[in-house]
Amino acid sequence: MFKVMEEITLQVQRDEESGWLVAWWDDPDGAGGITTQGHDLRDLQQQITEAVAVHFGEGAVPRRVRIHFVSDPILVQA
């Protein structure tokens, strides 16, 4: 019987050329991983939800999916 993962963390970074947000996660068991993208945060969240469901299959989806922004936004003071 398989064990359901409690949580996975996808790394997120903005692609400089396209401007899209790209998210990825490498399966620690060597079973591939997940890579997806969205044009904004709302779209990315939907794409991540769908990609996680496909990767893990019914009944095995992690209880929590965390996203970690590799580069935090910087506010510039004028």
PDB file of N, CA and C in Angstrom:
ATOM      1  N   MET A   1       0.838  -1.190   0.000  1.00  0.00           N
ATOM      2  CA  MET A   1       0.000   0.000   0.000  1.00  0.00           C
ATOM      3  C   MET A   1       0.882   1.252   0.000  1.00  0.00           C
ATOM      4  N   PHE A   2       0.468   2.286  -0.699  1.00  0.00           N
ATOM      5  CA  PHE A   2       1.240   3.508  -0.804  1.00  0.00           C
ATOM      6  C   PHE A   2       0.908   4.445   0.347  1.00  0.00           C
ATOM      7  N   LYS A   3       1.861   5.319   0.637  1.00  0.00           N
ATOM      8  CA  LYS A   3       1.664   6.329   1.669  1.00  0.00           C
ATOM      9  C   LYS A   3       1.408   7.671   0.991  1.00  0.00           C
ATOM     10  N   VAL A   4       0.361   8.350   1.427  1.00  0.00           N
ATOM     11  CA  VAL A   4       0.045   9.670   0.886  1.00  0.00           C
ATOM     12  C   VAL A   4       1.022  10.678   1.482  1.00  0.00           C
ATOM     13  N   MET A   5       1.631  11.478   0.628  1.00  0.00           N
ATOM     14  CA  MET A   5       2.539  12.521   1.102  1.00  0.00           C
ATOM     15  C   MET A   5       1.724  13.601   1.794  1.00  0.00           C
ATOM     16  N   GLU A   6       2.232  14.098   2.896  1.00  0.00           N
ATOM     17  CA  GLU A   6       1.557  15.180   3.614  1.00  0.00           C
ATOM     18  C   GLU A   6       1.626  16.490   2.837  1.00  0.00           C
ATOM     19  N   GLU A   7       2.803  16.780   2.274  1.00  0.00           N
ATOM     20  CA  GLU A   7       3.009  18.080   1.642  1.00  0.00           C
ATOM     21  C   GLU A   7       4.096  17.988   0.578  1.00  0.00           C
ATOM     22  N   ILE A   8       3.905  18.749  -0.475  1.00  0.00           N
ATOM     23  CA  ILE A   8       4.978  18.962  -1.445  1.00  0.00           C
ATOM     24  C   ILE A   8       5.138  20.464  -1.622  1.00  0.00           C
ATOM     25  N   THR A   9       6.317  20.878  -2.046  1.00  0.00           N
ATOM     26  CA  THR A   9       6.588  22.294  -2.285  1.00  0.00           C
ATOM     27  C   THR A   9       7.059  22.480  -3.717  1.00  0.00           C
ATOM     28  N   LEU A  10       6.329  23.266  -4.466  1.00  0.00           N
ATOM     29  CA  LEU A  10       6.739  23.601  -5.825  1.00  0.00           C
ATOM     30  C   LEU A  10       7.500  24.911  -5.797  1.00  0.00           C
ATOM     31  N   GLN A  11       8.599  24.950  -6.509  1.00  0.00           N
ATOM     32  CA  GLN A  11       9.385  26.171  -6.675  1.00  0.00           C
ATOM     33  C   GLN A  11       8.723  26.986  -7.788  1.00  0.00           C
ATOM     34  N   VAL A  12       8.665  28.301  -7.619  1.00  0.00           N
ATOM     35  CA  VAL A  12       8.031  29.169  -8.625  1.00  0.00           C
ATOM     36  C   VAL A  12       8.988  30.290  -8.980  1.00  0.00           C
ATOM     37  N   GLN A  13       9.088  30.539 -10.273  1.00  0.00           N
ATOM     38  CA  GLN A  13       9.935  31.622 -10.761  1.00  0.00           C
ATOM     39  C   GLN A  13       9.299  32.204 -12.017  1.00  0.00           C
ATOM     40  N   ARG A  14       9.439  33.496 -12.202  1.00  0.00           N
ATOM     41  CA  ARG A  14       8.911  34.135 -13.416  1.00  0.00           C
ATOM     42  C   ARG A  14       9.909  33.944 -14.551  1.00  0.00           C
ATOM     43  N   ASP A  15       9.413  33.489 -15.703  1.00  0.00           N
ATOM     44  CA  ASP A  15      10.255  33.355 -16.891  1.00  0.00           C
ATOM     45  C   ASP A  15      10.483  34.746 -17.459  1.00  0.00           C
ATOM     46  N   GLU A  16      11.730  35.133 -17.566  1.00  0.00           N
ATOM     47  CA  GLU A  16      12.079  36.490 -18.003  1.00  0.00           C
ATOM     48  C   GLU A  16      11.622  36.780 -19.434  1.00  0.00           C
ATOM     49  N   GLU A  17      11.656  35.777 -20.305  1.00  0.00           N
ATOM     50  CA  GLU A  17      11.299  36.010 -21.705  1.00  0.00           C
ATOM     51  C   GLU A  17       9.792  36.135 -21.910  1.00  0.00           C
ATOM     52  N   SER A  18       9.033  35.196 -21.336  1.00  0.00           N
ATOM     53  CA  SER A  18       7.594  35.176 -21.573  1.00  0.00           C
ATOM     54  C   SER A  18       6.799  35.961 -20.529  1.00  0.00           C
ATOM     55  N   GLY A  19       7.375  36.123 -19.326  1.00  0.00           N
ATOM     56  CA  GLY A  19       6.659  36.781 -18.244  1.00  0.00           C
ATOM     57  C   GLY A  19       5.744  35.837 -17.473  1.00  0.00           C
ATOM     58  N   TRP A  20       5.622  34.582 -17.917  1.00  0.00           N
ATOM     59  CA  TRP A  20       4.764  33.601 -17.253  1.00  0.00           C
ATOM     60  C   TRP A  20       5.426  33.117 -15.973  1.00  0.00           C
ATOM     61  N   LEU A  21       4.609  32.659 -15.025  1.00  0.00           N
ATOM     62  CA  LEU A  21       5.103  32.024 -13.804  1.00  0.00           C
ATOM     63  C   LEU A  21       5.271  30.532 -14.074  1.00  0.00           C
ATOM     64  N   VAL A  22       6.430  30.000 -13.733  1.00  0.00           N
ATOM     65  CA  VAL A  22       6.734  28.587 -13.958  1.00  0.00           C
ATOM     66  C   VAL A  22       6.921  27.921 -12.604  1.00  0.00           C
ATOM     67  N   ALA A  23       6.257  26.781 -12.403  1.00  0.00           N
ATOM     68  CA  ALA A  23       6.355  26.037 -11.149  1.00  0.00           C
ATOM     69  C   ALA A  23       6.880  24.638 -11.437  1.00  0.00           C
ATOM     70  N   TRP A  24       7.744  24.124 -10.525  1.00  0.00           N
ATOM     71  CA  TRP A  24       8.273  22.776 -10.714  1.00  0.00           C
ATOM     72  C   TRP A  24       8.508  22.088  -9.376  1.00  0.00           C
ATOM     73  N   TRP A  25       8.448  20.761  -9.421  1.00  0.00           N
ATOM     74  CA  TRP A  25       8.699  19.901  -8.263  1.00  0.00           C
ATOM     75  C   TRP A  25       9.299  18.602  -8.783  1.00  0.00           C
ATOM     76  N   ASP A  26      10.405  18.175  -8.177  1.00  0.00           N
ATOM     77  CA  ASP A  26      11.048  16.914  -8.543  1.00  0.00           C
ATOM     78  C   ASP A  26      10.673  15.854  -7.526  1.00  0.00           C
ATOM     79  N   ASP A  27      10.109  14.744  -7.990  1.00  0.00           N
ATOM     80  CA  ASP A  27       9.699  13.657  -7.110  1.00  0.00           C
ATOM     81  C   ASP A  27      10.936  13.049  -6.455  1.00  0.00           C
ATOM     82  N   PRO A  28      11.017  13.035  -5.117  1.00  0.00           N
ATOM     83  CA  PRO A  28      12.207  12.507  -4.449  1.00  0.00           C
ATOM     84  C   PRO A  28      12.411  11.009  -4.670  1.00  0.00           C
ATOM     85  N   ASP A  29      11.372  10.316  -5.093  1.00  0.00           N
ATOM     86  CA  ASP A  29      11.490   8.884  -5.375  1.00  0.00           C
ATOM     87  C   ASP A  29      11.974   8.616  -6.796  1.00  0.00           C
ATOM     88  N   GLY A  30      12.274   9.670  -7.532  1.00  0.00           N
ATOM     89  CA  GLY A  30      12.765   9.518  -8.893  1.00  0.00           C
ATOM     90  C   GLY A  30      11.680   9.206  -9.907  1.00  0.00           C
ATOM     91  N   ALA A  31      10.432   9.458  -9.539  1.00  0.00           N
ATOM     92  CA  ALA A  31       9.310   9.161 -10.433  1.00  0.00           C
ATOM     93  C   ALA A  31       8.914  10.403 -11.226  1.00  0.00           C
ATOM     94  N   GLY A  32       9.905  11.071 -11.809  1.00  0.00           N
ATOM     95  CA  GLY A  32       9.616  12.259 -12.610  1.00  0.00           C
ATOM     96  C   GLY A  32       9.418  13.479 -11.751  1.00  0.00           C
ATOM     97  N   GLY A  33       8.365  14.186 -12.009  1.00  0.00           N
ATOM     98  CA  GLY A  33       8.082  15.399 -11.265  1.00  0.00           C
ATOM     99  C   GLY A  33       6.940  16.144 -11.909  1.00  0.00           C
ATOM    100  N   ILE A  34       6.810  17.396 -11.543  1.00  0.00           N
ATOM    101  CA  ILE A  34       5.736  18.241 -12.048  1.00  0.00           C
ATOM    102  C   ILE A  34       6.359  19.542 -12.544  1.00  0.00           C
ATOM    103  N   THR A  35       5.956  19.967 -13.711  1.00  0.00           N
ATOM    104  CA  THR A  35       6.312  21.287 -14.231  1.00  0.00           C
ATOM    105  C   THR A  35       5.064  21.845 -14.888  1.00  0.00           C
ATOM    106  N   THR A  36       4.726  23.072 -14.538  1.00  0.00           N
ATOM    107  CA  THR A  36       3.566  23.712 -15.134  1.00  0.00           C
ATOM    108  C   THR A  36       3.782  25.216 -15.129  1.00  0.00           C
ATOM    109  N   GLN A  37       2.898  25.942 -15.774  1.00  0.00           N
ATOM    110  CA  GLN A  37       3.039  27.393 -15.837  1.00  0.00           C
ATOM    111  C   GLN A  37       1.677  28.062 -15.904  1.00  0.00           C
ATOM    112  N   GLY A  38       1.652  29.351 -15.576  1.00  0.00           N
ATOM    113  CA  GLY A  38       0.433  30.131 -15.665  1.00  0.00           C
ATOM    114  C   GLY A  38       0.779  31.576 -15.960  1.00  0.00           C
ATOM    115  N   HIS A  39      -0.169  32.277 -16.582  1.00  0.00           N
ATOM    116  CA  HIS A  39       0.136  33.671 -16.942  1.00  0.00           C
ATOM    117  C   HIS A  39       0.034  34.614 -15.755  1.00  0.00           C
ATOM    118  N   ASP A  40      -0.664  34.201 -14.673  1.00  0.00           N
ATOM    119  CA  ASP A  40      -0.699  34.972 -13.432  1.00  0.00           C
ATOM    120  C   ASP A  40      -0.863  33.986 -12.276  1.00  0.00           C
ATOM    121  N   LEU A  41      -0.902  34.479 -11.050  1.00  0.00           N
ATOM    122  CA  LEU A  41      -0.942  33.603  -9.888  1.00  0.00           C
ATOM    123  C   LEU A  41      -2.213  32.753  -9.842  1.00  0.00           C
ATOM    124  N   ARG A  42      -3.331  33.331 -10.179  1.00  0.00           N
ATOM    125  CA  ARG A  42      -4.596  32.577 -10.183  1.00  0.00           C
ATOM    126  C   ARG A  42      -4.539  31.427 -11.189  1.00  0.00           C
ATOM    127  N   ASP A  43      -4.062  31.725 -12.387  1.00  0.00           N
ATOM    128  CA  ASP A  43      -3.935  30.691 -13.415  1.00  0.00           C
ATOM    129  C   ASP A  43      -2.929  29.625 -12.976  1.00  0.00           C
ATOM    130  N   LEU A  44      -1.820  30.047 -12.392  1.00  0.00           N
ATOM    131  CA  LEU A  44      -0.807  29.096 -11.943  1.00  0.00           C
ATOM    132  C   LEU A  44      -1.375  28.166 -10.878  1.00  0.00           C
ATOM    133  N   GLN A  45      -2.140  28.687  -9.931  1.00  0.00           N
ATOM    134  CA  GLN A  45      -2.735  27.848  -8.899  1.00  0.00           C
ATOM    135  C   GLN A  45      -3.640  26.778  -9.504  1.00  0.00           C
ATOM    136  N   GLN A  46      -4.420  27.147 -10.493  1.00  0.00           N
ATOM    137  CA  GLN A  46      -5.297  26.181 -11.170  1.00  0.00           C
ATOM    138  C   GLN A  46      -4.467  25.123 -11.896  1.00  0.00           C
ATOM    139  N   GLN A  47      -3.421  25.559 -12.596  1.00  0.00           N
ATOM    140  CA  GLN A  47      -2.568  24.624 -13.330  1.00  0.00           C
ATOM    141  C   GLN A  47      -1.854  23.666 -12.368  1.00  0.00           C
ATOM    142  N   ILE A  48      -1.399  24.182 -11.208  1.00  0.00           N
ATOM    143  CA  ILE A  48      -0.737  23.336 -10.219  1.00  0.00           C
ATOM    144  C   ILE A  48      -1.706  22.288  -9.689  1.00  0.00           C
ATOM    145  N   THR A  49      -2.921  22.708  -9.353  1.00  0.00           N
ATOM    146  CA  THR A  49      -3.930  21.778  -8.837  1.00  0.00           C
ATOM    147  C   THR A  49      -4.169  20.640  -9.819  1.00  0.00           C
ATOM    148  N   GLU A  50      -4.313  20.971 -11.086  1.00  0.00           N
ATOM    149  CA  GLU A  50      -4.549  19.952 -12.113  1.00  0.00           C
ATOM    150  C   GLU A  50      -3.333  19.052 -12.296  1.00  0.00           C
ATOM    151  N   ALA A  51      -2.144  19.638 -12.330  1.00  0.00           N
ATOM    152  CA  ALA A  51      -0.925  18.850 -12.547  1.00  0.00           C
ATOM    153  C   ALA A  51      -0.651  17.897 -11.381  1.00  0.00           C
ATOM    154  N   VAL A  52      -0.892  18.354 -10.155  1.00  0.00           N
ATOM    155  CA  VAL A  52      -0.688  17.498  -8.980  1.00  0.00           C
ATOM    156  C   VAL A  52      -1.667  16.324  -9.022  1.00  0.00           C
ATOM    157  N   ALA A  53      -2.921  16.591  -9.364  1.00  0.00           N
ATOM    158  CA  ALA A  53      -3.926  15.532  -9.443  1.00  0.00           C
ATOM    159  C   ALA A  53      -3.531  14.481 -10.476  1.00  0.00           C
ATOM    160  N   VAL A  54      -3.015  14.918 -11.606  1.00  0.00           N
ATOM    161  CA  VAL A  54      -2.600  13.977 -12.657  1.00  0.00           C
ATOM    162  C   VAL A  54      -1.375  13.179 -12.220  1.00  0.00           C
ATOM    163  N   HIS A  55      -0.397  13.844 -11.626  1.00  0.00           N
ATOM    164  CA  HIS A  55       0.843  13.168 -11.230  1.00  0.00           C
ATOM    165  C   HIS A  55       0.595  12.103 -10.168  1.00  0.00           C
ATOM    166  N   PHE A  56      -0.196  12.426  -9.150  1.00  0.00           N
ATOM    167  CA  PHE A  56      -0.375  11.508  -8.030  1.00  0.00           C
ATOM    168  C   PHE A  56      -1.551  10.544  -8.212  1.00  0.00           C
ATOM    169  N   GLY A  57      -2.540  10.941  -8.949  1.00  0.00           N
ATOM    170  CA  GLY A  57      -3.690  10.073  -9.131  1.00  0.00           C
ATOM    171  C   GLY A  57      -4.663  10.153  -7.959  1.00  0.00           C
ATOM    172  N   GLU A  58      -5.844   9.630  -8.199  1.00  0.00           N
ATOM    173  CA  GLU A  58      -6.917   9.684  -7.208  1.00  0.00           C
ATOM    174  C   GLU A  58      -6.526   8.984  -5.906  1.00  0.00           C
ATOM    175  N   GLY A  59      -6.782   9.651  -4.797  1.00  0.00           N
ATOM    176  CA  GLY A  59      -6.511   9.071  -3.493  1.00  0.00           C
ATOM    177  C   GLY A  59      -5.089   9.245  -2.993  1.00  0.00           C
ATOM    178  N   ALA A  60      -4.198   9.772  -3.827  1.00  0.00           N
ATOM    179  CA  ALA A  60      -2.795   9.907  -3.423  1.00  0.00           C
ATOM    180  C   ALA A  60      -2.307  11.352  -3.429  1.00  0.00           C
ATOM    181  N   VAL A  61      -3.183  12.299  -3.699  1.00  0.00           N
ATOM    182  CA  VAL A  61      -2.797  13.711  -3.764  1.00  0.00           C
ATOM    183  C   VAL A  61      -2.362  14.182  -2.379  1.00  0.00           C
ATOM    184  N   PRO A  62      -1.227  14.885  -2.288  1.00  0.00           N
ATOM    185  CA  PRO A  62      -0.766  15.406  -0.991  1.00  0.00           C
ATOM    186  C   PRO A  62      -1.830  16.276  -0.333  1.00  0.00           C
ATOM    187  N   ARG A  63      -1.825  16.270   0.988  1.00  0.00           N
ATOM    188  CA  ARG A  63      -2.804  17.059   1.737  1.00  0.00           C
ATOM    189  C   ARG A  63      -2.567  18.562   1.566  1.00  0.00           C
ATOM    190  N   ARG A  64      -1.306  18.968   1.417  1.00  0.00           N
ATOM    191  CA  ARG A  64      -0.964  20.379   1.225  1.00  0.00           C
ATOM    192  C   ARG A  64       0.005  20.504   0.050  1.00  0.00           C
ATOM    193  N   VAL A  65      -0.224  21.542  -0.735  1.00  0.00           N
ATOM    194  CA  VAL A  65       0.696  21.877  -1.825  1.00  0.00           C
ATOM    195  C   VAL A  65       1.143  23.310  -1.569  1.00  0.00           C
ATOM    196  N   ARG A  66       2.415  23.443  -1.271  1.00  0.00           N
ATOM    197  CA  ARG A  66       2.997  24.756  -0.962  1.00  0.00           C
ATOM    198  C   ARG A  66       3.707  25.282  -2.212  1.00  0.00           C
ATOM    199  N   ILE A  67       3.634  26.594  -2.410  1.00  0.00           N
ATOM    200  CA  ILE A  67       4.420  27.187  -3.491  1.00  0.00           C
ATOM    201  C   ILE A  67       5.446  28.122  -2.856  1.00  0.00           C
ATOM    202  N   HIS A  68       6.667  28.033  -3.369  1.00  0.00           N
ATOM    203  CA  HIS A  68       7.773  28.844  -2.859  1.00  0.00           C
ATOM    204  C   HIS A  68       8.323  29.674  -4.012  1.00  0.00           C
ATOM    205  N   PHE A  69       8.257  30.987  -3.858  1.00  0.00           N
ATOM    206  CA  PHE A  69       8.777  31.877  -4.885  1.00  0.00           C
ATOM    207  C   PHE A  69      10.291  31.950  -4.729  1.00  0.00           C
ATOM    208  N   VAL A  70      11.010  31.533  -5.755  1.00  0.00           N
ATOM    209  CA  VAL A  70      12.470  31.505  -5.725  1.00  0.00           C
ATOM    210  C   VAL A  70      13.026  32.911  -5.582  1.00  0.00           C
ATOM    211  N   SER A  71      12.437  33.864  -6.270  1.00  0.00           N
ATOM    212  CA  SER A  71      12.868  35.260  -6.179  1.00  0.00           C
ATOM    213  C   SER A  71      11.715  36.069  -5.609  1.00  0.00           C
ATOM    214  N   ASP A  72      11.922  36.597  -4.413  1.00  0.00           N
ATOM    215  CA  ASP A  72      10.900  37.428  -3.811  1.00  0.00           C
ATOM    216  C   ASP A  72      10.833  38.764  -4.536  1.00  0.00           C
ATOM    217  N   PRO A  73       9.627  39.304  -4.692  1.00  0.00           N
ATOM    218  CA  PRO A  73       9.503  40.616  -5.337  1.00  0.00           C
ATOM    219  C   PRO A  73      10.212  41.691  -4.506  1.00  0.00           C
ATOM    220  N   ILE A  74      10.733  42.664  -5.187  1.00  0.00           N
ATOM    221  CA  ILE A  74      11.427  43.771  -4.532  1.00  0.00           C
ATOM    222  C   ILE A  74      10.662  45.056  -4.825  1.00  0.00           C
ATOM    223  N   LEU A  75      10.324  45.779  -3.780  1.00  0.00           N
ATOM    224  CA  LEU A  75       9.663  47.066  -3.953  1.00  0.00           C
ATOM    225  C   LEU A  75      10.742  48.138  -4.007  1.00  0.00           C
ATOM    226  N   VAL A  76      10.644  48.992  -5.006  1.00  0.00           N
ATOM    227  CA  VAL A  76      11.621  50.063  -5.169  1.00  0.00           C
ATOM    228  C   VAL A  76      11.001  51.346  -4.652  1.00  0.00           C
ATOM    229  N   GLN A  77      11.701  52.002  -3.735  1.00  0.00           N
ATOM    230  CA  GLN A  77      11.241  53.291  -3.206  1.00  0.00           C
ATOM    231  C   GLN A  77      11.746  54.405  -4.116  1.00  0.00           C
ATOM    232  N   ALA A  78      10.867  55.290  -4.480  1.00  0.00           N
ATOM    233  CA  ALA A  78      11.255  56.406  -5.352  1.00  0.00           C
ATOM    234  C   ALA A  78      11.956  57.492  -4.583  1.00  0.00           C
TER     235      ALA A  78
END
